[in-house]
Structures are given as structure tokens and as C-alpha cells.
């Protein structure tokens, strides 16, 4: 018997192995949906990355041979790859781990009033306990330009939810064999990205008020977003994350 050729092996993996691993996920459909989300994420995040590169990093030394425009292109390319792979993971394994995927559109529309209420409460808490103080030490985190401000809610809804919820929570659910366990795991890990952001701004990280409060608020937000994702679907978590991102308009208006 002749051995399978590489092309035949790849075809065999696509048509037999992958569907078995993902409980029948259609690889073509997964690729289309993942590509669409990744492209949307890049387009919506472009203004924010532009702000980080040309405003926040203005005058900062860059590696030799790398200018700001090349840095921006590299960031966007890497973002596309990360979001594409993240979405592929999420859509591929959602059926196997009994997750709702995008969720039900009718149920999503009916839930909008509740999401508005949740967003209003969380925004008020964030402003009262964190943002009004953080603005004083890092006003650059709250862009004054309307285009940059508009991009932040979209960046959160697409980029962050694709990576944190669609990918990492899905993997956490599969790893721990528990929806609640996956949500809690990501809720514990995600707040520590705050450390990287504080370092990016040149701020010292320690057990100070701002850092501790940010960890607590971030944990609570990720817990709620994760719960919405595993029980209702990605549309719910994306919508709430978008509404939470609108706080930057509030803070810039109130503190500016």
C-alpha cells in the first residue's frame, strides 16, 4: 500500500481529524467568521494603536531600523494573526465545550436594557473609585481626540473579547472541564495585564491604591463578561464591553 502523500494527509486531517476534535465544527465556516472578526478588530483598533504609537510613544527611542509607521504596521499585522487564531480556536471548540458561540440575536436584543443598567453601575463604580484618580497621574490614558475616544469601545468589544473570552475562556473551559472554572481562571489572569500597561506608561507597580483598585475592578468586570459569554454568547460580552468603553468619553468630559 502506497503511503499517503502530504496533500492527502492534510486533506484527511481537515475532513476527519479536525471535525472529530471539534465535535463537527465546519472548518470553512470557522475560517470565514474568524477572518471577518480579525479584520474588524484591526480596523477598529487602528486609531487606538495610532494614538499609542504617535502620541503616547512620541519621542520614545525605537529599535534601530524601525520607525513609527513600521511599528504601527507590525502591531496591526500581529493583532490580525492573534485575533484570527483566537477566533478560530473559539469557534472550533464552542460546540465541543457546549458554549453558545455568538449567542441568540433575539435574546441579545431583549437583554440590552439589562446590559445598559449593568454598564451604568460598573462605569459609575470605576469612575468613583479609579478613573478620577488615575486621570490625575496618567491623563494620557484618556485621549482628548474624538477619533481615538471612539476607537476605544470598539477595540475593547472586538480585540479584547475575541482574545479573552472567545479564545482564553473557551480554552479554560476545556482545560478545567467547567464553564465557571474557565471564567474564574481568565478573570484571575486578565487583571495582571494591568502591570504591563503601568510599565508602558512608566509608572511604578506596587501595592498602592490605584493598582489594587484596578485589579479588583478588572477581576469583577472579567468575571461578569466571562459569565455572559459562557451563558449567553459573545454578542452579550461584546456589547457590555463596548458600553464599558464609553467611560472614556465620560472621564474626558468630566476631567478635561
Protein backbone atom coordinates (compact mmCIF):
# COMPACT_ATOMS: atom_id res chain seq x y z
CA UNK A 1 0.00 0.00 0.00
CA UNK A 2 1.39 3.37 -1.02
CA UNK A 3 1.88 5.90 1.81
CA UNK A 4 -0.37 8.94 1.88
CA UNK A 5 1.06 11.99 0.20
CA UNK A 6 1.37 15.19 2.27
CA UNK A 7 -1.59 16.80 0.47
CA UNK A 8 -3.70 13.73 1.11
CA UNK A 9 -2.67 13.73 4.75
CA UNK A 10 -3.67 17.37 5.15
CA UNK A 11 -6.99 16.67 3.46
CA UNK A 12 -7.53 13.71 5.76
CA UNK A 13 -6.81 15.88 8.82
CA UNK A 14 -9.23 18.54 7.60
CA UNK A 15 -12.08 16.16 6.83
CA UNK A 16 -11.68 13.62 9.64
CA UNK A 17 -9.39 14.62 12.47
CA UNK A 18 -10.42 18.27 12.97
CA UNK A 19 -14.18 17.63 12.89
CA UNK A 20 -13.69 14.82 15.40
CA UNK A 21 -11.67 17.10 17.72
CA UNK A 22 -14.20 19.92 17.49
CA UNK A 23 -17.38 17.82 17.54
CA UNK A 24 -18.22 18.58 13.94
CA UNK A 25 -17.25 22.23 13.52
CA UNK A 26 -17.21 23.30 9.86
CA UNK A 27 -13.62 24.44 9.22
CA UNK A 28 -14.62 26.60 6.26
CA UNK A 29 -17.30 28.42 8.25
CA UNK A 30 -14.92 28.82 11.19
CA UNK A 31 -12.26 30.37 8.93
CA UNK A 32 -14.73 32.83 7.36
CA UNK A 33 -16.13 34.01 10.70
CA UNK A 34 -12.67 34.19 12.28
CA UNK A 35 -11.27 36.19 9.35
CA UNK A 36 -14.19 38.64 9.46
CA UNK A 37 -13.72 39.23 13.20
CA UNK A 38 -9.95 39.60 12.85
CA UNK A 39 -10.30 42.17 10.04
CA UNK A 40 -12.93 44.11 12.03
CA UNK A 41 -10.65 44.05 15.07
CA UNK A 42 -7.74 45.52 13.09
CA UNK A 43 -9.89 48.25 11.53
CA UNK A 44 -11.46 49.29 14.82
CA UNK A 45 -8.18 49.15 16.74
CA UNK A 46 -6.15 51.08 14.15
CA UNK A 47 -6.94 54.56 15.60
CA UNK A 48 -6.05 53.43 19.14
CA UNK A 49 -2.75 51.89 18.04
CA UNK A 50 -2.08 55.08 16.08
CA UNK A 51 -2.62 57.03 19.30
CA UNK A 52 -0.24 54.80 21.27
CA UNK A 53 2.42 54.96 18.57
CA UNK A 54 2.34 58.64 17.59
CA UNK A 55 1.14 60.28 20.81
CA UNK A 56 2.00 58.13 23.83
CA UNK A 57 5.33 56.98 22.38
CA UNK A 58 6.12 60.34 20.79
CA UNK A 59 9.86 60.87 21.11
CA UNK A 60 10.48 57.49 22.72
CA UNK A 61 13.53 55.61 21.37
CA UNK A 62 12.69 52.79 18.95
CA UNK A 63 14.84 49.82 17.91
CA UNK A 64 17.34 50.64 15.18
CA UNK A 65 15.85 50.45 11.70
CA UNK A 66 12.26 50.64 12.98
CA UNK A 67 10.32 53.88 12.58
CA UNK A 68 6.88 54.67 13.97
CA UNK A 69 4.98 53.74 10.79
CA UNK A 70 6.70 50.38 10.51
CA UNK A 71 5.98 49.78 14.19
CA UNK A 72 2.31 50.51 13.61
CA UNK A 73 2.17 48.14 10.62
CA UNK A 74 3.86 45.41 12.63
CA UNK A 75 1.44 45.87 15.53
CA UNK A 76 -1.58 45.64 13.24
CA UNK A 77 -0.25 42.55 11.45
CA UNK A 78 0.42 40.77 14.74
CA UNK A 79 -3.01 41.81 16.00
CA UNK A 80 -4.65 40.30 12.92
CA UNK A 81 -2.81 36.99 13.41
CA UNK A 82 -3.59 36.82 17.13
CA UNK A 83 -7.28 37.64 16.64
CA UNK A 84 -7.59 35.23 13.70
CA UNK A 85 -6.11 32.34 15.68
CA UNK A 86 -8.11 33.28 18.78
CA UNK A 87 -11.39 33.35 16.87
CA UNK A 88 -10.58 30.07 15.13
CA UNK A 89 -9.97 28.42 18.49
CA UNK A 90 -13.18 29.81 19.95
CA UNK A 91 -15.45 28.91 17.04
CA UNK A 92 -13.82 25.50 16.57
CA UNK A 93 -14.33 24.31 20.12
CA UNK A 94 -17.51 26.09 21.20
CA UNK A 95 -19.69 23.15 20.21
CA UNK A 96 -17.44 20.59 21.88
CA UNK A 97 -17.41 22.52 25.17
CA UNK A 98 -21.15 23.33 24.91
CA UNK A 99 -20.63 27.09 24.66
CA UNK A 100 -23.18 29.37 22.93
CA UNK A 101 -20.77 30.92 20.41
CA UNK A 102 -22.21 34.21 19.15
CA UNK A 103 -25.42 33.59 21.03
CA UNK A 104 -29.06 34.16 20.10
CA UNK A 105 -29.77 37.52 18.42
CA UNK A 106 -33.36 37.77 19.72
CA UNK A 107 -32.25 37.05 23.26
CA UNK A 108 -29.45 39.58 22.87
CA UNK A 109 -31.84 42.35 21.84
CA UNK A 110 -34.10 41.55 24.79
CA UNK A 111 -31.11 41.74 27.14
CA UNK A 112 -29.96 45.20 26.02
CA UNK A 113 -31.80 47.15 28.77
CA UNK A 114 -30.19 44.97 31.47
CA UNK A 115 -26.78 45.38 29.84
CA UNK A 116 -27.23 49.16 29.87
CA UNK A 117 -28.02 49.06 33.60
CA UNK A 118 -25.01 46.85 34.35
CA UNK A 119 -22.74 49.09 32.27
CA UNK A 120 -24.01 52.22 34.05
CA UNK A 121 -23.38 50.72 37.50
CA UNK A 122 -19.91 49.44 36.60
CA UNK A 123 -18.97 52.73 34.92
CA UNK A 124 -20.05 54.71 37.98
CA UNK A 125 -18.02 52.46 40.29
CA UNK A 126 -14.99 52.66 38.02
CA UNK A 127 -15.18 56.45 37.81
CA UNK A 128 -15.71 56.98 41.54
CA UNK A 129 -13.04 54.56 42.79
CA UNK A 130 -10.46 54.64 39.99
CA UNK A 131 -10.71 56.86 36.91
CA UNK A 132 -10.98 60.25 38.58
CA UNK A 133 -7.76 59.49 40.45
CA UNK A 134 -5.96 57.76 37.59
CA UNK A 135 -6.68 60.72 35.31
CA UNK A 136 -4.58 62.90 37.61
CA UNK A 137 -1.47 60.70 37.26
CA UNK A 138 -1.96 59.41 33.70
CA UNK A 139 -4.19 61.80 31.70
CA UNK A 140 -2.66 60.41 28.50
CA UNK A 141 -4.75 57.25 29.09
CA UNK A 142 -7.86 59.30 28.27
CA UNK A 143 -7.38 60.70 24.74
CA UNK A 144 -8.82 64.10 24.01
CA UNK A 145 -9.24 63.39 20.30
CA UNK A 146 -12.74 62.17 19.39
CA UNK A 147 -11.49 59.60 16.85
CA UNK A 148 -9.24 57.98 19.43
CA UNK A 149 -12.00 58.04 22.03
CA UNK A 150 -14.43 56.40 19.60
CA UNK A 151 -11.99 53.59 18.85
CA UNK A 152 -11.60 52.52 22.49
CA UNK A 153 -15.07 50.94 22.92
CA UNK A 154 -14.71 49.11 19.58
CA UNK A 155 -11.20 47.96 20.46
CA UNK A 156 -12.48 46.53 23.73
CA UNK A 157 -15.56 44.91 22.21
CA UNK A 158 -13.67 43.22 19.37
CA UNK A 159 -9.99 42.75 20.18
CA UNK A 160 -10.25 42.08 23.90
CA UNK A 161 -13.37 39.93 23.74
CA UNK A 162 -12.03 37.84 20.87
CA UNK A 163 -8.81 37.10 22.75
CA UNK A 164 -10.01 36.92 26.36
CA UNK A 165 -13.49 35.46 26.03
CA UNK A 166 -13.73 33.66 22.67
CA UNK A 167 -10.26 32.14 22.94
CA UNK A 168 -8.96 32.06 26.52
CA UNK A 169 -12.24 31.37 28.30
CA UNK A 170 -13.01 28.64 25.76
CA UNK A 171 -9.60 27.06 26.38
CA UNK A 172 -10.08 27.47 30.13
CA UNK A 173 -13.44 25.70 29.98
CA UNK A 174 -11.86 22.84 28.04
CA UNK A 175 -8.85 22.64 30.35
CA UNK A 176 -10.83 22.64 33.60
CA UNK A 177 -13.95 20.89 32.23
CA UNK A 178 -16.00 23.62 33.86
CA UNK A 179 -17.59 26.79 32.49
CA UNK A 180 -17.29 28.52 35.86
CA UNK A 181 -13.70 27.37 36.23
CA UNK A 182 -12.74 28.76 32.83
CA UNK A 183 -14.35 32.11 33.62
CA UNK A 184 -12.63 32.39 37.01
CA UNK A 185 -9.25 31.36 35.58
CA UNK A 186 -9.27 34.11 32.94
CA UNK A 187 -10.69 36.60 35.46
CA UNK A 188 -7.66 35.98 37.66
CA UNK A 189 -5.11 36.17 34.84
CA UNK A 190 -6.52 39.12 32.84
CA UNK A 191 -6.14 41.84 35.52
CA UNK A 192 -2.40 41.31 35.62
CA UNK A 193 -2.17 42.78 32.12
CA UNK A 194 -2.52 45.98 34.16
CA UNK A 195 1.11 45.50 35.20
CA UNK A 196 2.25 45.65 31.58
CA UNK A 197 0.16 48.75 30.92
CA UNK A 198 1.50 50.52 34.02
CA UNK A 199 5.04 49.71 32.87
CA UNK A 200 4.18 51.01 29.38
CA UNK A 201 3.20 54.34 30.96
CA UNK A 202 6.40 54.38 33.01
CA UNK A 203 4.52 54.03 36.29
CA UNK A 204 5.76 52.07 39.29
CA UNK A 205 3.78 48.96 40.14
CA UNK A 206 3.20 48.18 43.80
CA UNK A 207 0.52 47.65 46.41
CA UNK A 208 -0.75 51.19 46.05
CA UNK A 209 -4.37 52.32 45.88
CA UNK A 210 -4.63 52.69 42.09
CA UNK A 211 -3.04 49.36 41.28
CA UNK A 212 -5.05 47.36 43.83
CA UNK A 213 -8.36 49.01 42.88
CA UNK A 214 -7.68 48.41 39.20
CA UNK A 215 -7.03 44.71 39.88
CA UNK A 216 -10.28 44.40 41.83
CA UNK A 217 -12.38 46.24 39.24
CA UNK A 218 -10.79 44.33 36.38
CA UNK A 219 -11.39 40.98 38.09
CA UNK A 220 -15.05 41.83 38.69
CA UNK A 221 -15.55 43.03 35.10
CA UNK A 222 -13.87 39.96 33.62
CA UNK A 223 -15.94 37.71 35.87
CA UNK A 224 -19.18 39.26 34.63
CA UNK A 225 -18.06 39.33 30.99
CA UNK A 226 -16.98 35.70 31.20
CA UNK A 227 -20.30 34.71 32.75
CA UNK A 228 -22.19 36.45 29.95
CA UNK A 229 -20.04 34.72 27.34
CA UNK A 230 -20.47 31.16 28.62
CA UNK A 231 -24.19 31.55 29.35
CA UNK A 232 -25.45 33.89 26.61
CA UNK A 233 -22.73 34.18 23.98
CA UNK A 234 -20.13 36.54 22.54
CA UNK A 235 -22.66 39.19 21.48
CA UNK A 236 -23.58 39.84 25.11
CA UNK A 237 -20.00 40.19 26.34
CA UNK A 238 -19.02 42.33 23.34
CA UNK A 239 -21.98 44.65 23.90
CA UNK A 240 -21.24 45.11 27.61
CA UNK A 241 -17.54 45.67 26.90
CA UNK A 242 -18.46 48.30 24.30
CA UNK A 243 -20.67 50.10 26.82
CA UNK A 244 -17.94 49.99 29.45
CA UNK A 245 -15.52 51.53 26.95
CA UNK A 246 -17.78 54.57 26.72
CA UNK A 247 -16.50 55.61 30.16
CA UNK A 248 -13.53 57.26 28.43
CA UNK A 249 -15.90 59.84 26.95
CA UNK A 250 -17.31 60.47 30.42
CA UNK A 251 -13.93 60.83 32.10
CA UNK A 252 -12.50 63.06 29.34
CA UNK A 253 -15.58 65.29 29.54
CA UNK A 254 -15.72 65.40 33.35
CA UNK A 255 -12.00 65.85 33.95
CA UNK A 256 -10.99 67.73 30.83
